[in-house]
Amino acid sequence: MVSPLQRRQQRIALMQYQVSISTDNGETLTIAPTAPQPSNQWDVVRASLKKDSAALKSFKQVADKIDYKKRHLEQYQPYFESNTLPVDIAAIFMVWLFDCKEIQPAMLLADYCLKYGAPMPEGFKSDVPTFIADEVLNWAESAFKQGHSTAPYFDQVLTRLTTDWKLFDQVEAKYYKLCGFMALGEYGTNIKYIPEPAPLYMAKTWFEKAQTKYSKIGVNTRINDINKRLTKLDLPLIAEE
């Protein structure tokens, strides 16, 4: 059974080999050979993605763009795990998957893009590591607020931020800030009700790390609230070793 993408590829491939000729009476005829020359499958995918890009520009609502991507990602799925997937195509698929909040396949393609040095698609100002860090942070913040786990993807990116990636200080600070909120758990906005010192000290460490990395990260209030709570519990402001 021919898939929608295969039918689309066949149409694009056929168009590539159409020939237009003019007749003596001024008419234009379009002739396609009965057996088109073989075309590189990745060129056909690029042509299909180019058509998608044009279609996406016609939408004004972000939700409509996301809906379009979700519907068409299924057609491209057979290519995601190809070991010959060109990096430029992999980067586009990665962006689409992150846009559609498909975190698992997005991270698989993110690793592929990092491994083979993929450039970001045209129009993006950030590099691949920065894009991944931003997208995973946005996903993790949403998941945390909804009470869902952020493992293992948030931890994976956090490890890379502190080892081999050298991104903007603000990006790294945002990760430390979220770590602080995760340490506080359900009491993130009600620090005065936290009964045990361990999450207070842990959160304070993360918040101070965020502030050191980027002073405008906005954690002063949290640090002050933690200090007040520690004082209320008759505990030192710095954890005793």
C-alpha atoms as a PDB file:
ATOM      1  CA  MET A   1       0.000   0.000   0.000  1.00  0.00           C
ATOM      2  CA  VAL A   2       1.399   3.381  -1.003  1.00  0.00           C
ATOM      3  CA  SER A   3       1.661   5.850   1.888  1.00  0.00           C
ATOM      4  CA  PRO A   4       0.605   9.541   1.598  1.00  0.00           C
ATOM      5  CA  LEU A   5       4.250  10.597   1.659  1.00  0.00           C
ATOM      6  CA  GLN A   6       5.186   8.121  -1.063  1.00  0.00           C
ATOM      7  CA  ARG A   7       2.370   9.460  -3.267  1.00  0.00           C
ATOM      8  CA  ARG A   8       3.611  12.956  -2.578  1.00  0.00           C
ATOM      9  CA  GLN A   9       7.179  11.932  -3.428  1.00  0.00           C
ATOM     10  CA  GLN A  10       6.013  10.410  -6.682  1.00  0.00           C
ATOM     11  CA  ARG A  11       4.249  13.629  -7.653  1.00  0.00           C
ATOM     12  CA  ILE A  12       7.314  15.744  -6.808  1.00  0.00           C
ATOM     13  CA  ALA A  13       9.674  13.382  -8.576  1.00  0.00           C
ATOM     14  CA  LEU A  14       7.469  13.418 -11.680  1.00  0.00           C
ATOM     15  CA  MET A  15       7.353  17.216 -11.662  1.00  0.00           C
ATOM     16  CA  GLN A  16      11.151  17.324 -11.616  1.00  0.00           C
ATOM     17  CA  TYR A  17      11.306  15.629 -14.991  1.00  0.00           C
ATOM     18  CA  GLN A  18       8.447  17.331 -16.772  1.00  0.00           C
ATOM     19  CA  VAL A  19       9.368  19.168 -19.971  1.00  0.00           C
ATOM     20  CA  SER A  20       7.433  22.115 -21.393  1.00  0.00           C
ATOM     21  CA  ILE A  21       7.438  22.745 -25.176  1.00  0.00           C
ATOM     22  CA  SER A  22       5.746  25.339 -27.336  1.00  0.00           C
ATOM     23  CA  THR A  23       3.697  24.317 -30.371  1.00  0.00           C
ATOM     24  CA  ASP A  24       3.483  26.215 -33.667  1.00  0.00           C
ATOM     25  CA  ASN A  25       0.140  27.782 -32.718  1.00  0.00           C
ATOM     26  CA  GLY A  26       1.539  29.182 -29.459  1.00  0.00           C
ATOM     27  CA  GLU A  27       0.199  26.560 -27.070  1.00  0.00           C
ATOM     28  CA  THR A  28       2.368  25.106 -24.308  1.00  0.00           C
ATOM     29  CA  LEU A  29       2.415  21.397 -23.734  1.00  0.00           C
ATOM     30  CA  THR A  30       3.848  19.691 -20.637  1.00  0.00           C
ATOM     31  CA  ILE A  31       5.309  16.281 -21.273  1.00  0.00           C
ATOM     32  CA  ALA A  32       6.477  13.845 -18.594  1.00  0.00           C
ATOM     33  CA  PRO A  33       8.454  10.741 -19.492  1.00  0.00           C
ATOM     34  CA  THR A  34       6.640   7.467 -18.873  1.00  0.00           C
ATOM     35  CA  ALA A  35       9.581   6.237 -16.784  1.00  0.00           C
ATOM     36  CA  PRO A  36      11.083   9.112 -14.757  1.00  0.00           C
ATOM     37  CA  GLN A  37      14.782   9.015 -14.039  1.00  0.00           C
ATOM     38  CA  PRO A  38      15.596   7.758 -10.516  1.00  0.00           C
ATOM     39  CA  SER A  39      15.910  10.529  -7.938  1.00  0.00           C
ATOM     40  CA  ASN A  40      17.794  10.635  -4.651  1.00  0.00           C
ATOM     41  CA  GLN A  41      15.184   9.930  -1.974  1.00  0.00           C
ATOM     42  CA  TRP A  42      16.560  12.664   0.278  1.00  0.00           C
ATOM     43  CA  ASP A  43      16.204  15.250  -2.491  1.00  0.00           C
ATOM     44  CA  VAL A  44      12.579  14.239  -2.748  1.00  0.00           C
ATOM     45  CA  VAL A  45      12.147  14.587   1.039  1.00  0.00           C
ATOM     46  CA  ARG A  46      13.770  18.026   0.896  1.00  0.00           C
ATOM     47  CA  ALA A  47      11.352  19.033  -1.850  1.00  0.00           C
ATOM     48  CA  SER A  48       8.460  17.776   0.256  1.00  0.00           C
ATOM     49  CA  LEU A  49       9.691  19.715   3.305  1.00  0.00           C
ATOM     50  CA  LYS A  50      10.076  22.819   1.170  1.00  0.00           C
ATOM     51  CA  LYS A  51       6.441  22.460   0.179  1.00  0.00           C
ATOM     52  CA  ASP A  52       5.537  22.069   3.864  1.00  0.00           C
ATOM     53  CA  SER A  53       7.475  25.217   4.731  1.00  0.00           C
ATOM     54  CA  ALA A  54       5.473  27.190   2.193  1.00  0.00           C
ATOM     55  CA  ALA A  55       2.231  25.751   3.582  1.00  0.00           C
ATOM     56  CA  LEU A  56       3.192  26.622   7.158  1.00  0.00           C
ATOM     57  CA  LYS A  57       3.752  30.254   6.223  1.00  0.00           C
ATOM     58  CA  SER A  58       0.112  30.504   5.237  1.00  0.00           C
ATOM     59  CA  PHE A  59      -1.046  29.870   8.812  1.00  0.00           C
ATOM     60  CA  LYS A  60      -1.360  32.793  11.220  1.00  0.00           C
ATOM     61  CA  GLN A  61      -2.172  30.787  14.353  1.00  0.00           C
ATOM     62  CA  VAL A  62       0.587  28.817  16.088  1.00  0.00           C
ATOM     63  CA  ALA A  63      -1.934  26.087  16.920  1.00  0.00           C
ATOM     64  CA  ASP A  64      -2.662  25.619  13.228  1.00  0.00           C
ATOM     65  CA  LYS A  65       1.033  25.302  12.450  1.00  0.00           C
ATOM     66  CA  ILE A  66       1.439  22.682  15.173  1.00  0.00           C
ATOM     67  CA  ASP A  67      -1.590  20.774  13.943  1.00  0.00           C
ATOM     68  CA  TYR A  68      -0.161  20.734  10.413  1.00  0.00           C
ATOM     69  CA  LYS A  69       3.184  19.429  11.680  1.00  0.00           C
ATOM     70  CA  LYS A  70       1.523  16.714  13.749  1.00  0.00           C
ATOM     71  CA  ARG A  71      -0.441  15.486  10.745  1.00  0.00           C
ATOM     72  CA  HIS A  72       2.589  15.382   8.486  1.00  0.00           C
ATOM     73  CA  LEU A  73       5.128  14.012  10.970  1.00  0.00           C
ATOM     74  CA  GLU A  74       3.496  10.602  10.700  1.00  0.00           C
ATOM     75  CA  GLN A  75       4.326  10.551   6.998  1.00  0.00           C
ATOM     76  CA  TYR A  76       7.994  11.287   7.692  1.00  0.00           C
ATOM     77  CA  GLN A  77       8.371   8.886  10.620  1.00  0.00           C
ATOM     78  CA  PRO A  78       9.930   6.052   8.553  1.00  0.00           C
ATOM     79  CA  TYR A  79      12.945   8.296   7.965  1.00  0.00           C
ATOM     80  CA  PHE A  80      13.610   9.252  11.589  1.00  0.00           C
ATOM     81  CA  GLU A  81      15.776   6.251  12.411  1.00  0.00           C
ATOM     82  CA  SER A  82      17.625   5.996   9.097  1.00  0.00           C
ATOM     83  CA  ASN A  83      21.378   5.825   9.579  1.00  0.00           C
ATOM     84  CA  THR A  84      21.788   7.779   6.336  1.00  0.00           C
ATOM     85  CA  LEU A  85      19.479  10.624   7.361  1.00  0.00           C
ATOM     86  CA  PRO A  86      21.126  13.880   6.148  1.00  0.00           C
ATOM     87  CA  VAL A  87      21.808  16.305   8.978  1.00  0.00           C
ATOM     88  CA  ASP A  88      19.886  19.182   7.421  1.00  0.00           C
ATOM     89  CA  ILE A  89      16.744  17.047   7.234  1.00  0.00           C
ATOM     90  CA  ALA A  90      17.339  15.640  10.722  1.00  0.00           C
ATOM     91  CA  ALA A  91      17.445  19.178  12.135  1.00  0.00           C
ATOM     92  CA  ILE A  92      14.079  20.043  10.574  1.00  0.00           C
ATOM     93  CA  PHE A  93      12.501  16.870  11.926  1.00  0.00           C
ATOM     94  CA  MET A  94      13.992  17.625  15.361  1.00  0.00           C
ATOM     95  CA  VAL A  95      12.459  21.111  15.390  1.00  0.00           C
ATOM     96  CA  TRP A  96       9.068  19.773  14.345  1.00  0.00           C
ATOM     97  CA  LEU A  97       9.112  17.104  17.053  1.00  0.00           C
ATOM     98  CA  PHE A  98       9.998  19.614  19.764  1.00  0.00           C
ATOM     99  CA  ASP A  99       7.269  21.941  18.493  1.00  0.00           C
ATOM    100  CA  CYS A 100       4.766  19.098  18.776  1.00  0.00           C
ATOM    101  CA  LYS A 101       6.033  18.177  22.282  1.00  0.00           C
ATOM    102  CA  GLU A 102       7.117  14.725  21.113  1.00  0.00           C
ATOM    103  CA  ILE A 103      10.006  14.743  23.565  1.00  0.00           C
ATOM    104  CA  GLN A 104      11.310  11.174  23.200  1.00  0.00           C
ATOM    105  CA  PRO A 105      11.784  11.090  19.403  1.00  0.00           C
ATOM    106  CA  ALA A 106      12.903  14.734  19.515  1.00  0.00           C
ATOM    107  CA  MET A 107      15.721  13.859  21.901  1.00  0.00           C
ATOM    108  CA  LEU A 108      16.760  10.892  19.769  1.00  0.00           C
ATOM    109  CA  LEU A 109      17.104  13.170  16.756  1.00  0.00           C
ATOM    110  CA  ALA A 110      18.772  15.805  18.939  1.00  0.00           C
ATOM    111  CA  ASP A 111      21.485  13.287  19.798  1.00  0.00           C
ATOM    112  CA  TYR A 112      21.832  12.462  16.101  1.00  0.00           C
ATOM    113  CA  CYS A 113      22.180  16.142  15.207  1.00  0.00           C
ATOM    114  CA  LEU A 114      24.799  16.663  17.918  1.00  0.00           C
ATOM    115  CA  LYS A 115      26.744  13.573  16.920  1.00  0.00           C
ATOM    116  CA  TYR A 116      26.978  14.524  13.257  1.00  0.00           C
ATOM    117  CA  GLY A 117      27.256  18.298  13.620  1.00  0.00           C
ATOM    118  CA  ALA A 118      23.926  19.309  12.122  1.00  0.00           C
ATOM    119  CA  PRO A 119      23.324  23.021  11.513  1.00  0.00           C
ATOM    120  CA  MET A 120      20.035  24.579  12.567  1.00  0.00           C
ATOM    121  CA  PRO A 121      17.515  25.114   9.759  1.00  0.00           C
ATOM    122  CA  GLU A 122      17.502  28.425   7.924  1.00  0.00           C
ATOM    123  CA  GLY A 123      16.065  31.261   9.982  1.00  0.00           C
ATOM    124  CA  PHE A 124      17.253  30.058  13.392  1.00  0.00           C
ATOM    125  CA  LYS A 125      19.766  32.234  15.235  1.00  0.00           C
ATOM    126  CA  SER A 126      20.703  29.701  17.919  1.00  0.00           C
ATOM    127  CA  ASP A 127      22.946  26.679  17.489  1.00  0.00           C
ATOM    128  CA  VAL A 128      21.769  23.109  18.065  1.00  0.00           C
ATOM    129  CA  PRO A 129      22.849  22.776  21.749  1.00  0.00           C
ATOM    130  CA  THR A 130      21.208  26.100  22.682  1.00  0.00           C
ATOM    131  CA  PHE A 131      18.015  25.156  20.863  1.00  0.00           C
ATOM    132  CA  ILE A 132      17.874  21.783  22.614  1.00  0.00           C
ATOM    133  CA  ALA A 133      18.520  23.365  26.008  1.00  0.00           C
ATOM    134  CA  ASP A 134      15.741  25.930  25.512  1.00  0.00           C
ATOM    135  CA  GLU A 135      13.223  23.369  24.276  1.00  0.00           C
ATOM    136  CA  VAL A 136      13.925  20.840  27.024  1.00  0.00           C
ATOM    137  CA  LEU A 137      13.714  23.580  29.659  1.00  0.00           C
ATOM    138  CA  ASN A 138      10.313  24.706  28.356  1.00  0.00           C
ATOM    139  CA  TRP A 139       9.097  21.118  28.314  1.00  0.00           C
ATOM    140  CA  ALA A 140      10.483  20.411  31.811  1.00  0.00           C
ATOM    141  CA  GLU A 141       8.900  23.536  33.317  1.00  0.00           C
ATOM    142  CA  SER A 142       5.506  22.532  31.926  1.00  0.00           C
ATOM    143  CA  ALA A 143       5.891  18.902  33.038  1.00  0.00           C
ATOM    144  CA  PHE A 144       6.962  19.936  36.547  1.00  0.00           C
ATOM    145  CA  LYS A 145       4.022  22.299  36.979  1.00  0.00           C
ATOM    146  CA  GLN A 146       1.673  19.492  35.962  1.00  0.00           C
ATOM    147  CA  GLY A 147       3.270  17.114  38.442  1.00  0.00           C
ATOM    148  CA  HIS A 148       4.909  14.937  35.796  1.00  0.00           C
ATOM    149  CA  SER A 149       8.432  13.549  35.784  1.00  0.00           C
ATOM    150  CA  THR A 150      11.120  15.396  33.839  1.00  0.00           C
ATOM    151  CA  ALA A 151      13.446  12.383  33.769  1.00  0.00           C
ATOM    152  CA  PRO A 152      15.594  11.535  31.996  1.00  0.00           C
ATOM    153  CA  TYR A 153      15.745  14.401  29.503  1.00  0.00           C
ATOM    154  CA  PHE A 154      16.092  17.347  31.877  1.00  0.00           C
ATOM    155  CA  ASP A 155      18.904  15.591  33.743  1.00  0.00           C
ATOM    156  CA  GLN A 156      20.631  14.685  30.491  1.00  0.00           C
ATOM    157  CA  VAL A 157      20.746  18.289  29.305  1.00  0.00           C
ATOM    158  CA  LEU A 158      21.725  19.562  32.769  1.00  0.00           C
ATOM    159  CA  THR A 159      24.709  17.202  32.736  1.00  0.00           C
ATOM    160  CA  ARG A 160      25.777  18.449  29.325  1.00  0.00           C
ATOM    161  CA  LEU A 161      25.428  22.064  30.451  1.00  0.00           C
ATOM    162  CA  THR A 162      27.851  21.448  33.281  1.00  0.00           C
ATOM    163  CA  THR A 163      30.346  19.381  31.267  1.00  0.00           C
ATOM    164  CA  ASP A 164      30.850  19.739  27.526  1.00  0.00           C
ATOM    165  CA  TRP A 165      28.394  22.489  26.546  1.00  0.00           C
ATOM    166  CA  LYS A 166      29.367  26.140  26.940  1.00  0.00           C
ATOM    167  CA  LEU A 167      26.144  28.069  26.484  1.00  0.00           C
ATOM    168  CA  PHE A 168      25.017  31.519  27.579  1.00  0.00           C
ATOM    169  CA  ASP A 169      25.100  32.055  31.344  1.00  0.00           C
ATOM    170  CA  GLN A 170      21.388  32.851  31.378  1.00  0.00           C
ATOM    171  CA  VAL A 171      20.501  29.462  29.882  1.00  0.00           C
ATOM    172  CA  GLU A 172      22.518  27.610  32.493  1.00  0.00           C
ATOM    173  CA  ALA A 173      21.088  29.761  35.290  1.00  0.00           C
ATOM    174  CA  LYS A 174      17.529  28.904  34.220  1.00  0.00           C
ATOM    175  CA  TYR A 175      18.312  25.221  34.677  1.00  0.00           C
ATOM    176  CA  TYR A 176      19.684  25.802  38.179  1.00  0.00           C
ATOM    177  CA  LYS A 177      16.618  27.876  39.031  1.00  0.00           C
ATOM    178  CA  LEU A 178      14.280  25.082  37.976  1.00  0.00           C
ATOM    179  CA  CYS A 179      16.377  22.633  39.998  1.00  0.00           C
ATOM    180  CA  GLY A 180      15.714  24.847  42.998  1.00  0.00           C
ATOM    181  CA  PHE A 181      11.968  24.708  42.480  1.00  0.00           C
ATOM    182  CA  MET A 182      12.146  20.963  41.984  1.00  0.00           C
ATOM    183  CA  ALA A 183      13.954  20.665  45.322  1.00  0.00           C
ATOM    184  CA  LEU A 184      11.130  22.570  47.009  1.00  0.00           C
ATOM    185  CA  GLY A 185       8.563  20.351  45.351  1.00  0.00           C
ATOM    186  CA  GLU A 186       4.936  21.125  46.080  1.00  0.00           C
ATOM    187  CA  TYR A 187       5.978  23.910  48.455  1.00  0.00           C
ATOM    188  CA  GLY A 188       7.656  25.953  45.733  1.00  0.00           C
ATOM    189  CA  THR A 189       5.503  29.011  46.347  1.00  0.00           C
ATOM    190  CA  ASN A 190       4.763  28.298  50.033  1.00  0.00           C
ATOM    191  CA  ILE A 191       8.213  27.997  51.529  1.00  0.00           C
ATOM    192  CA  LYS A 192       6.973  28.970  54.993  1.00  0.00           C
ATOM    193  CA  TYR A 193       5.163  25.618  55.223  1.00  0.00           C
ATOM    194  CA  ILE A 194       8.139  23.365  54.477  1.00  0.00           C
ATOM    195  CA  PRO A 195       8.582  21.125  57.535  1.00  0.00           C
ATOM    196  CA  GLU A 196      12.040  19.655  56.873  1.00  0.00           C
ATOM    197  CA  PRO A 197      15.385  21.441  56.380  1.00  0.00           C
ATOM    198  CA  ALA A 198      16.789  19.200  53.617  1.00  0.00           C
ATOM    199  CA  PRO A 199      14.745  20.643  50.725  1.00  0.00           C
ATOM    200  CA  LEU A 200      15.403  24.163  52.015  1.00  0.00           C
ATOM    201  CA  TYR A 201      19.161  23.751  51.946  1.00  0.00           C
ATOM    202  CA  MET A 202      19.111  21.958  48.607  1.00  0.00           C
ATOM    203  CA  ALA A 203      16.903  24.574  46.965  1.00  0.00           C
ATOM    204  CA  LYS A 204      18.971  27.408  48.384  1.00  0.00           C
ATOM    205  CA  THR A 205      22.134  25.862  46.945  1.00  0.00           C
ATOM    206  CA  TRP A 206      20.574  25.702  43.484  1.00  0.00           C
ATOM    207  CA  PHE A 207      19.148  29.221  43.689  1.00  0.00           C
ATOM    208  CA  GLU A 208      22.494  30.652  44.790  1.00  0.00           C
ATOM    209  CA  LYS A 209      24.217  28.790  41.963  1.00  0.00           C
ATOM    210  CA  ALA A 210      21.728  30.302  39.524  1.00  0.00           C
ATOM    211  CA  GLN A 211      22.281  33.773  40.936  1.00  0.00           C
ATOM    212  CA  THR A 212      26.054  33.406  40.719  1.00  0.00           C
ATOM    213  CA  LYS A 213      25.808  32.346  37.094  1.00  0.00           C
ATOM    214  CA  TYR A 214      23.383  35.135  36.150  1.00  0.00           C
ATOM    215  CA  SER A 215      22.584  37.821  38.704  1.00  0.00           C
ATOM    216  CA  LYS A 216      19.283  38.838  37.084  1.00  0.00           C
ATOM    217  CA  ILE A 217      17.789  35.342  37.128  1.00  0.00           C
ATOM    218  CA  GLY A 218      15.236  36.396  39.754  1.00  0.00           C
ATOM    219  CA  VAL A 219      15.761  34.159  42.795  1.00  0.00           C
ATOM    220  CA  ASN A 220      16.419  36.750  45.529  1.00  0.00           C
ATOM    221  CA  THR A 221      12.915  36.448  46.936  1.00  0.00           C
ATOM    222  CA  ARG A 222      13.169  32.666  47.138  1.00  0.00           C
ATOM    223  CA  ILE A 223      16.528  32.805  48.888  1.00  0.00           C
ATOM    224  CA  ASN A 224      15.211  35.341  51.415  1.00  0.00           C
ATOM    225  CA  ASP A 225      12.113  33.231  52.048  1.00  0.00           C
ATOM    226  CA  ILE A 226      14.268  30.155  52.622  1.00  0.00           C
ATOM    227  CA  ASN A 227      16.461  32.079  55.082  1.00  0.00           C
ATOM    228  CA  LYS A 228      13.348  33.224  56.958  1.00  0.00           C
ATOM    229  CA  ARG A 229      12.048  29.674  57.142  1.00  0.00           C
ATOM    230  CA  LEU A 230      15.404  28.335  58.373  1.00  0.00           C
ATOM    231  CA  THR A 231      15.449  31.027  61.048  1.00  0.00           C
ATOM    232  CA  LYS A 232      11.892  30.129  62.022  1.00  0.00           C
ATOM    233  CA  LEU A 233      12.969  26.505  62.412  1.00  0.00           C
ATOM    234  CA  ASP A 234      15.920  27.689  64.519  1.00  0.00           C
ATOM    235  CA  LEU A 235      18.386  26.319  61.975  1.00  0.00           C
ATOM    236  CA  PRO A 236      21.632  27.782  60.602  1.00  0.00           C
ATOM    237  CA  LEU A 237      21.442  29.519  57.230  1.00  0.00           C
ATOM    238  CA  ILE A 238      24.188  27.255  55.914  1.00  0.00           C
ATOM    239  CA  ALA A 239      23.841  23.480  56.189  1.00  0.00           C
ATOM    240  CA  GLU A 240      26.266  21.945  58.663  1.00  0.00           C
ATOM    241  CA  GLU A 241      28.524  19.286  57.195  1.00  0.00           C
END
